[in-house]
């Protein structure tokens, strides 16, 4: 995919608000990408839920919980509970945790620069560090077959 030219703050809103809006847009694009791969998918509109969307693998009668994350650099992070925005106090105790099977079934990372998706089953990250280079995750890049395989296994 070509570089995404939509990451521009045309209305000059505060950078932390723009960042939140950009994240929401990327989340909707990720859901759109799941649907374009012919999987019914719905966004979960609950702030701070453990997962962001549900995909219906209808022929297997399975629902998979998806955590959607975005990346803009060359790595992805497998943790939640952190924010770098102004609404979180720096004095507060850390709420950081690594995603696990109790949180979601898979994580989709969307590259905010080009909208490429990395589809990673949550059980595959348990022995990994908190982050990993995109170069080491090429087998997950645009691998929508993973959704079908997960429906068979779940």
N, C-alpha and C. Protein backbone atom coordinates (compact mmCIF):
# COMPACT_ATOMS: atom_id res chain seq x y z
N UNK A 1 0.84 -1.19 0.00
CA UNK A 1 0.00 0.00 0.00
C UNK A 1 0.88 1.25 0.00
N UNK A 2 0.37 2.30 -0.57
CA UNK A 2 1.10 3.56 -0.56
C UNK A 2 0.99 4.22 0.80
N UNK A 3 1.84 5.20 1.02
CA UNK A 3 1.81 5.93 2.28
C UNK A 3 0.46 6.63 2.44
N UNK A 4 -0.05 6.64 3.63
CA UNK A 4 -1.35 7.23 3.96
C UNK A 4 -1.18 8.73 4.16
N UNK A 5 -1.84 9.52 3.34
CA UNK A 5 -1.76 10.98 3.47
C UNK A 5 -2.88 11.55 4.33
N UNK A 6 -3.65 10.72 5.00
CA UNK A 6 -4.76 11.19 5.81
C UNK A 6 -4.38 11.53 7.23
N UNK A 7 -3.16 11.31 7.63
CA UNK A 7 -2.75 11.60 9.00
C UNK A 7 -2.30 13.05 9.08
N UNK A 8 -3.25 13.95 8.90
CA UNK A 8 -2.95 15.37 8.98
C UNK A 8 -4.04 16.06 9.79
N UNK A 9 -3.62 16.94 10.65
CA UNK A 9 -4.54 17.67 11.52
C UNK A 9 -4.98 18.94 10.81
N UNK A 10 -5.92 18.80 9.90
CA UNK A 10 -6.36 19.93 9.07
C UNK A 10 -7.09 21.00 9.86
N UNK A 11 -7.66 20.64 11.00
CA UNK A 11 -8.45 21.61 11.77
C UNK A 11 -7.68 22.21 12.94
N UNK A 12 -6.43 21.83 13.10
CA UNK A 12 -5.54 22.37 14.12
C UNK A 12 -6.07 22.19 15.54
N UNK A 13 -6.75 21.07 15.80
CA UNK A 13 -7.21 20.80 17.16
C UNK A 13 -6.01 20.38 18.01
N UNK A 14 -6.19 20.38 19.33
CA UNK A 14 -5.11 19.98 20.23
C UNK A 14 -4.57 18.62 19.81
N UNK A 15 -3.26 18.46 19.90
CA UNK A 15 -2.62 17.23 19.41
C UNK A 15 -3.13 15.99 20.11
N UNK A 16 -3.42 16.05 21.41
CA UNK A 16 -3.90 14.85 22.11
C UNK A 16 -5.32 14.49 21.68
N UNK A 17 -6.14 15.47 21.33
CA UNK A 17 -7.48 15.18 20.80
C UNK A 17 -7.35 14.58 19.41
N UNK A 18 -6.47 15.16 18.60
CA UNK A 18 -6.26 14.62 17.25
C UNK A 18 -5.77 13.18 17.31
N UNK A 19 -4.88 12.90 18.24
CA UNK A 19 -4.34 11.54 18.38
C UNK A 19 -5.47 10.55 18.71
N UNK A 20 -6.37 10.94 19.60
CA UNK A 20 -7.51 10.09 19.94
C UNK A 20 -8.42 9.90 18.73
N UNK A 21 -8.67 10.98 18.00
CA UNK A 21 -9.51 10.88 16.80
C UNK A 21 -8.86 9.98 15.76
N UNK A 22 -7.55 10.10 15.60
CA UNK A 22 -6.83 9.26 14.64
C UNK A 22 -6.92 7.80 15.05
N UNK A 23 -6.79 7.53 16.36
CA UNK A 23 -6.92 6.15 16.85
C UNK A 23 -8.31 5.62 16.56
N UNK A 24 -9.35 6.40 16.82
CA UNK A 24 -10.72 5.95 16.55
C UNK A 24 -10.91 5.65 15.07
N UNK A 25 -10.35 6.49 14.20
CA UNK A 25 -10.44 6.26 12.76
C UNK A 25 -9.74 4.96 12.38
N UNK A 26 -8.54 4.73 12.93
CA UNK A 26 -7.81 3.49 12.63
C UNK A 26 -8.58 2.27 13.11
N UNK A 27 -9.24 2.38 14.25
CA UNK A 27 -10.04 1.26 14.75
C UNK A 27 -11.17 0.95 13.78
N UNK A 28 -11.83 1.98 13.27
CA UNK A 28 -12.91 1.76 12.30
C UNK A 28 -12.37 1.19 10.99
N UNK A 29 -11.18 1.63 10.59
CA UNK A 29 -10.56 1.09 9.37
C UNK A 29 -10.24 -0.38 9.57
N UNK A 30 -9.74 -0.76 10.74
CA UNK A 30 -9.45 -2.17 11.01
C UNK A 30 -10.72 -3.01 10.92
N UNK A 31 -11.82 -2.53 11.49
CA UNK A 31 -13.10 -3.25 11.39
C UNK A 31 -13.51 -3.35 9.92
N UNK A 32 -13.35 -2.26 9.19
CA UNK A 32 -13.66 -2.25 7.76
C UNK A 32 -12.82 -3.29 7.03
N UNK A 33 -11.53 -3.40 7.36
CA UNK A 33 -10.65 -4.38 6.71
C UNK A 33 -11.12 -5.81 7.01
N UNK A 34 -11.58 -6.08 8.25
CA UNK A 34 -12.11 -7.40 8.58
C UNK A 34 -13.35 -7.69 7.72
N UNK A 35 -14.22 -6.72 7.62
CA UNK A 35 -15.44 -6.88 6.81
C UNK A 35 -15.09 -7.06 5.34
N UNK A 36 -14.12 -6.30 4.83
CA UNK A 36 -13.70 -6.44 3.43
C UNK A 36 -13.09 -7.81 3.15
N UNK A 37 -12.61 -8.49 4.21
CA UNK A 37 -12.11 -9.86 4.06
C UNK A 37 -13.26 -10.87 4.17
N UNK A 38 -14.48 -10.37 4.18
CA UNK A 38 -15.72 -11.16 4.19
C UNK A 38 -16.05 -11.82 5.52
N UNK A 39 -15.66 -11.17 6.60
CA UNK A 39 -16.04 -11.63 7.93
C UNK A 39 -16.95 -10.58 8.57
N UNK A 40 -18.18 -10.95 8.97
CA UNK A 40 -19.02 -10.00 9.68
C UNK A 40 -18.31 -9.54 10.96
N UNK A 41 -18.27 -8.25 11.18
CA UNK A 41 -17.54 -7.71 12.32
C UNK A 41 -18.27 -6.49 12.86
N UNK A 42 -18.33 -6.38 14.17
CA UNK A 42 -18.97 -5.24 14.83
C UNK A 42 -18.04 -4.64 15.86
N UNK A 43 -18.03 -3.34 15.92
CA UNK A 43 -17.23 -2.62 16.89
C UNK A 43 -17.93 -2.62 18.25
N UNK A 44 -17.16 -2.74 19.31
CA UNK A 44 -17.70 -2.67 20.67
C UNK A 44 -17.51 -1.23 21.14
N UNK A 45 -18.59 -0.54 21.38
CA UNK A 45 -18.51 0.87 21.74
C UNK A 45 -18.48 1.11 23.24
N UNK A 46 -17.60 0.41 23.91
CA UNK A 46 -17.43 0.60 25.35
C UNK A 46 -15.98 1.03 25.58
N UNK A 47 -15.81 2.24 26.06
CA UNK A 47 -14.47 2.73 26.31
C UNK A 47 -13.77 1.86 27.35
N UNK A 48 -12.52 1.53 27.08
CA UNK A 48 -11.67 0.74 27.97
C UNK A 48 -12.13 -0.71 28.13
N UNK A 49 -12.90 -1.22 27.18
CA UNK A 49 -13.24 -2.65 27.20
C UNK A 49 -11.97 -3.44 26.89
N UNK A 50 -11.94 -4.70 27.24
CA UNK A 50 -10.77 -5.54 26.98
C UNK A 50 -10.61 -5.86 25.50
N UNK A 51 -11.67 -5.71 24.72
CA UNK A 51 -11.59 -5.93 23.28
C UNK A 51 -12.41 -4.86 22.58
N UNK A 52 -12.09 -4.63 21.31
CA UNK A 52 -12.67 -3.52 20.55
C UNK A 52 -13.70 -3.93 19.52
N UNK A 53 -13.69 -5.21 19.15
CA UNK A 53 -14.62 -5.67 18.11
C UNK A 53 -14.88 -7.15 18.29
N UNK A 54 -15.95 -7.59 17.65
CA UNK A 54 -16.33 -9.01 17.62
C UNK A 54 -16.44 -9.40 16.16
N UNK A 55 -15.82 -10.52 15.81
CA UNK A 55 -15.96 -11.06 14.46
C UNK A 55 -16.77 -12.35 14.55
N UNK A 56 -17.73 -12.48 13.65
CA UNK A 56 -18.63 -13.62 13.63
C UNK A 56 -18.16 -14.60 12.56
N UNK A 57 -17.64 -15.72 13.01
CA UNK A 57 -17.30 -16.80 12.08
C UNK A 57 -18.55 -17.68 12.01
N UNK A 58 -19.51 -17.22 11.22
CA UNK A 58 -20.87 -17.75 11.25
C UNK A 58 -20.95 -19.23 10.90
N UNK A 59 -20.15 -19.70 9.94
CA UNK A 59 -20.25 -21.10 9.54
C UNK A 59 -19.76 -22.05 10.63
N UNK A 60 -18.91 -21.54 11.54
CA UNK A 60 -18.41 -22.36 12.64
C UNK A 60 -19.13 -22.04 13.95
N UNK A 61 -20.10 -21.10 13.87
CA UNK A 61 -20.84 -20.66 15.05
C UNK A 61 -19.89 -20.20 16.16
N UNK A 62 -18.89 -19.36 15.78
CA UNK A 62 -17.88 -18.85 16.71
C UNK A 62 -17.87 -17.33 16.67
N UNK A 63 -17.70 -16.74 17.81
CA UNK A 63 -17.45 -15.31 17.92
C UNK A 63 -16.04 -15.14 18.46
N UNK A 64 -15.25 -14.30 17.82
CA UNK A 64 -13.89 -14.02 18.26
C UNK A 64 -13.78 -12.58 18.72
N UNK A 65 -13.18 -12.39 19.89
CA UNK A 65 -12.99 -11.05 20.44
C UNK A 65 -11.67 -10.48 19.91
N UNK A 66 -11.74 -9.28 19.36
CA UNK A 66 -10.57 -8.65 18.75
C UNK A 66 -10.16 -7.41 19.53
N UNK A 67 -8.89 -7.36 19.90
CA UNK A 67 -8.28 -6.14 20.42
C UNK A 67 -7.62 -5.47 19.22
N UNK A 68 -7.92 -4.21 18.98
CA UNK A 68 -7.33 -3.48 17.85
C UNK A 68 -6.33 -2.48 18.39
N UNK A 69 -5.12 -2.56 17.86
CA UNK A 69 -4.06 -1.64 18.25
C UNK A 69 -3.54 -0.99 16.98
N UNK A 70 -2.90 0.13 17.14
CA UNK A 70 -2.30 0.77 15.98
C UNK A 70 -0.82 1.01 16.22
N UNK A 71 -0.11 1.06 15.13
CA UNK A 71 1.31 1.36 15.19
C UNK A 71 1.63 2.35 14.09
N UNK A 72 2.61 3.16 14.33
CA UNK A 72 3.05 4.11 13.31
C UNK A 72 4.54 3.97 13.05
N UNK A 73 5.20 3.07 13.81
CA UNK A 73 6.63 2.88 13.59
C UNK A 73 6.88 1.42 13.20
N UNK A 74 8.03 0.91 13.46
CA UNK A 74 8.39 -0.43 12.98
C UNK A 74 8.24 -1.52 14.02
N UNK A 75 7.45 -1.27 15.07
CA UNK A 75 7.24 -2.32 16.08
C UNK A 75 5.81 -2.25 16.60
N UNK A 76 5.41 -3.33 17.26
CA UNK A 76 4.10 -3.37 17.89
C UNK A 76 4.27 -3.80 19.34
N UNK A 77 3.33 -3.36 20.15
CA UNK A 77 3.38 -3.58 21.59
C UNK A 77 2.20 -4.46 21.99
N UNK A 78 2.44 -5.37 22.92
CA UNK A 78 1.43 -6.34 23.34
C UNK A 78 0.83 -6.01 24.71
N UNK A 79 0.87 -4.76 25.11
CA UNK A 79 0.38 -4.38 26.43
C UNK A 79 -0.77 -3.39 26.33
N UNK A 80 -1.54 -3.35 27.40
CA UNK A 80 -2.63 -2.40 27.53
C UNK A 80 -2.53 -1.71 28.88
N UNK A 81 -3.47 -0.81 29.12
CA UNK A 81 -3.52 -0.13 30.42
C UNK A 81 -2.64 1.08 30.54
N UNK A 82 -2.01 1.49 29.44
CA UNK A 82 -1.16 2.69 29.49
C UNK A 82 -1.69 3.71 28.50
N UNK A 83 -1.49 4.95 28.82
CA UNK A 83 -1.83 6.06 27.95
C UNK A 83 -0.75 7.11 28.09
N UNK A 84 -0.42 7.75 27.00
CA UNK A 84 0.55 8.82 27.06
C UNK A 84 -0.13 10.18 26.95
N UNK A 85 -1.45 10.19 27.03
CA UNK A 85 -2.18 11.44 26.88
C UNK A 85 -2.33 12.16 28.21
N UNK A 86 -2.86 13.35 28.17
CA UNK A 86 -2.93 14.22 29.33
C UNK A 86 -3.92 13.74 30.40
N UNK A 87 -4.90 12.93 30.05
CA UNK A 87 -5.93 12.57 31.02
C UNK A 87 -5.46 11.57 32.07
N UNK A 88 -4.28 11.01 31.95
CA UNK A 88 -3.77 10.04 32.91
C UNK A 88 -2.67 10.69 33.75
N UNK A 89 -2.84 10.64 35.05
CA UNK A 89 -1.86 11.23 35.95
C UNK A 89 -0.56 10.46 35.92
N UNK A 90 0.55 11.15 35.86
CA UNK A 90 1.87 10.52 35.89
C UNK A 90 2.21 9.99 37.29
N UNK A 91 1.52 10.46 38.31
CA UNK A 91 1.76 10.00 39.68
C UNK A 91 0.99 8.72 40.00
N UNK A 92 0.03 8.38 39.18
CA UNK A 92 -0.79 7.20 39.45
C UNK A 92 0.03 5.92 39.27
N UNK A 93 -0.34 4.90 40.02
CA UNK A 93 0.31 3.59 39.91
C UNK A 93 0.06 3.01 38.52
N UNK A 94 1.04 2.31 37.97
CA UNK A 94 0.94 1.74 36.63
C UNK A 94 -0.18 0.71 36.56
N UNK A 95 -0.93 0.76 35.47
CA UNK A 95 -1.99 -0.22 35.20
C UNK A 95 -1.63 -1.09 34.00
N UNK A 96 -0.38 -1.05 33.60
CA UNK A 96 0.08 -1.77 32.42
C UNK A 96 -0.03 -3.29 32.63
N UNK A 97 -0.49 -3.98 31.59
CA UNK A 97 -0.58 -5.44 31.62
C UNK A 97 -0.37 -5.96 30.20
N UNK A 98 0.04 -7.20 30.08
CA UNK A 98 0.18 -7.83 28.78
C UNK A 98 -1.12 -8.54 28.45
N UNK A 99 -1.59 -8.38 27.22
CA UNK A 99 -2.84 -9.02 26.81
C UNK A 99 -2.72 -10.53 26.91
N UNK A 100 -3.84 -11.16 27.25
CA UNK A 100 -3.87 -12.62 27.38
C UNK A 100 -5.22 -13.13 26.87
N UNK A 101 -5.39 -14.44 26.93
CA UNK A 101 -6.63 -15.07 26.46
C UNK A 101 -7.85 -14.64 27.26
N UNK A 102 -7.66 -14.15 28.47
CA UNK A 102 -8.82 -13.67 29.24
C UNK A 102 -9.33 -12.32 28.70
N UNK A 103 -8.47 -11.62 27.93
CA UNK A 103 -8.84 -10.31 27.40
C UNK A 103 -9.46 -10.39 26.00
N UNK A 104 -8.89 -11.22 25.14
CA UNK A 104 -9.32 -11.28 23.74
C UNK A 104 -8.81 -12.56 23.10
N UNK A 105 -9.30 -12.83 21.90
CA UNK A 105 -8.87 -14.01 21.16
C UNK A 105 -7.75 -13.71 20.17
N UNK A 106 -7.74 -12.51 19.65
CA UNK A 106 -6.69 -12.11 18.74
C UNK A 106 -6.51 -10.60 18.79
N UNK A 107 -5.36 -10.18 18.31
CA UNK A 107 -5.07 -8.76 18.23
C UNK A 107 -4.80 -8.43 16.77
N UNK A 108 -5.42 -7.37 16.31
CA UNK A 108 -5.13 -6.86 14.97
C UNK A 108 -4.42 -5.52 15.15
N UNK A 109 -3.22 -5.46 14.61
CA UNK A 109 -2.49 -4.19 14.59
C UNK A 109 -2.68 -3.58 13.23
N UNK A 110 -3.05 -2.32 13.22
CA UNK A 110 -3.17 -1.61 11.95
C UNK A 110 -2.04 -0.60 11.89
N UNK A 111 -1.34 -0.60 10.79
CA UNK A 111 -0.28 0.38 10.57
C UNK A 111 -0.95 1.66 10.11
N UNK A 112 -0.90 2.69 10.94
CA UNK A 112 -1.60 3.93 10.66
C UNK A 112 -1.05 4.65 9.43
N UNK A 113 0.14 4.27 8.98
CA UNK A 113 0.73 4.89 7.81
C UNK A 113 0.20 4.34 6.49
N UNK A 114 -0.19 3.05 6.48
CA UNK A 114 -0.60 2.45 5.21
C UNK A 114 -1.79 1.49 5.34
N UNK A 115 -2.32 1.32 6.53
CA UNK A 115 -3.51 0.52 6.82
C UNK A 115 -3.29 -0.97 6.63
N UNK A 116 -2.05 -1.42 6.62
CA UNK A 116 -1.79 -2.86 6.61
C UNK A 116 -2.13 -3.43 7.97
N UNK A 117 -2.66 -4.64 7.97
CA UNK A 117 -3.07 -5.28 9.22
C UNK A 117 -2.19 -6.49 9.52
N UNK A 118 -1.91 -6.67 10.79
CA UNK A 118 -1.20 -7.83 11.31
C UNK A 118 -2.18 -8.56 12.22
N UNK A 119 -2.53 -9.78 11.87
CA UNK A 119 -3.54 -10.56 12.59
C UNK A 119 -2.83 -11.61 13.42
N UNK A 120 -2.85 -11.45 14.75
CA UNK A 120 -2.07 -12.33 15.62
C UNK A 120 -2.97 -12.96 16.69
N UNK A 121 -3.06 -14.29 16.70
CA UNK A 121 -3.81 -14.97 17.77
C UNK A 121 -3.16 -14.68 19.12
N UNK A 122 -3.96 -14.42 20.12
CA UNK A 122 -3.45 -14.01 21.43
C UNK A 122 -2.59 -15.09 22.07
N UNK A 123 -2.90 -16.35 21.84
CA UNK A 123 -2.12 -17.41 22.48
C UNK A 123 -0.69 -17.48 21.94
N UNK A 124 -0.42 -16.86 20.81
CA UNK A 124 0.93 -16.88 20.25
C UNK A 124 1.86 -15.85 20.89
N UNK A 125 1.32 -14.88 21.61
CA UNK A 125 2.18 -13.84 22.18
C UNK A 125 2.62 -14.13 23.61
N UNK A 126 2.08 -15.17 24.23
CA UNK A 126 2.31 -15.38 25.66
C UNK A 126 3.78 -15.53 26.04
N UNK A 127 4.60 -16.09 25.16
CA UNK A 127 6.02 -16.26 25.46
C UNK A 127 6.91 -15.18 24.86
N UNK A 128 6.28 -14.16 24.26
CA UNK A 128 7.05 -13.08 23.65
C UNK A 128 7.30 -11.97 24.66
N UNK A 129 8.25 -11.09 24.35
CA UNK A 129 8.45 -9.88 25.14
C UNK A 129 7.26 -8.96 24.92
N UNK A 130 7.26 -7.79 25.56
CA UNK A 130 6.14 -6.86 25.46
C UNK A 130 5.99 -6.22 24.08
N UNK A 131 7.02 -6.26 23.26
CA UNK A 131 6.93 -5.69 21.92
C UNK A 131 7.78 -6.50 20.95
N UNK A 132 7.52 -6.28 19.66
CA UNK A 132 8.26 -7.03 18.65
C UNK A 132 8.32 -6.19 17.37
N UNK A 133 9.39 -6.36 16.64
CA UNK A 133 9.58 -5.68 15.36
C UNK A 133 8.61 -6.22 14.32
N UNK A 134 8.09 -5.33 13.47
CA UNK A 134 7.21 -5.76 12.38
C UNK A 134 7.93 -6.73 11.44
N UNK A 135 9.21 -6.56 11.29
CA UNK A 135 9.99 -7.45 10.43
C UNK A 135 9.92 -8.90 10.90
N UNK A 136 9.78 -9.11 12.21
CA UNK A 136 9.71 -10.46 12.76
C UNK A 136 8.29 -11.01 12.75
N UNK A 137 7.35 -10.22 12.25
CA UNK A 137 5.94 -10.62 12.28
C UNK A 137 5.33 -10.72 10.89
N UNK A 138 6.17 -10.91 9.89
CA UNK A 138 5.69 -10.91 8.51
C UNK A 138 4.68 -12.02 8.21
N UNK A 139 4.76 -13.14 8.92
CA UNK A 139 3.80 -14.22 8.65
C UNK A 139 2.38 -13.85 9.05
N UNK A 140 2.22 -12.80 9.87
CA UNK A 140 0.90 -12.35 10.30
C UNK A 140 0.35 -11.21 9.44
N UNK A 141 1.20 -10.62 8.63
CA UNK A 141 0.82 -9.46 7.82
C UNK A 141 -0.21 -9.85 6.77
N UNK A 142 -1.39 -9.25 6.87
CA UNK A 142 -2.50 -9.48 5.93
C UNK A 142 -2.87 -10.96 5.83
N UNK A 143 -2.64 -11.72 6.88
CA UNK A 143 -2.92 -13.16 6.88
C UNK A 143 -4.32 -13.41 7.44
N UNK A 144 -5.33 -13.16 6.62
CA UNK A 144 -6.71 -13.30 7.05
C UNK A 144 -7.11 -14.77 7.23
N UNK A 145 -6.35 -15.69 6.70
CA UNK A 145 -6.58 -17.11 6.90
C UNK A 145 -6.56 -17.47 8.39
N UNK A 146 -5.85 -16.68 9.18
CA UNK A 146 -5.77 -16.92 10.62
C UNK A 146 -7.16 -16.93 11.25
N UNK A 147 -8.06 -16.09 10.78
CA UNK A 147 -9.43 -16.07 11.33
C UNK A 147 -10.13 -17.40 11.09
N UNK A 148 -9.95 -17.96 9.91
CA UNK A 148 -10.55 -19.27 9.60
C UNK A 148 -9.93 -20.35 10.46
N UNK A 149 -8.60 -20.32 10.57
CA UNK A 149 -7.91 -21.32 11.40
C UNK A 149 -8.34 -21.23 12.85
N UNK A 150 -8.52 -20.02 13.36
CA UNK A 150 -8.94 -19.85 14.76
C UNK A 150 -10.35 -20.37 14.98
N UNK A 151 -11.21 -20.22 14.00
CA UNK A 151 -12.58 -20.73 14.14
C UNK A 151 -12.58 -22.25 14.24
N UNK A 152 -11.66 -22.88 13.57
CA UNK A 152 -11.57 -24.35 13.63
C UNK A 152 -11.04 -24.80 14.98
N UNK A 153 -10.14 -24.02 15.56
CA UNK A 153 -9.48 -24.40 16.82
C UNK A 153 -10.28 -24.05 18.06
N UNK A 154 -11.07 -23.02 18.01
CA UNK A 154 -11.71 -22.50 19.22
C UNK A 154 -12.80 -23.40 19.72
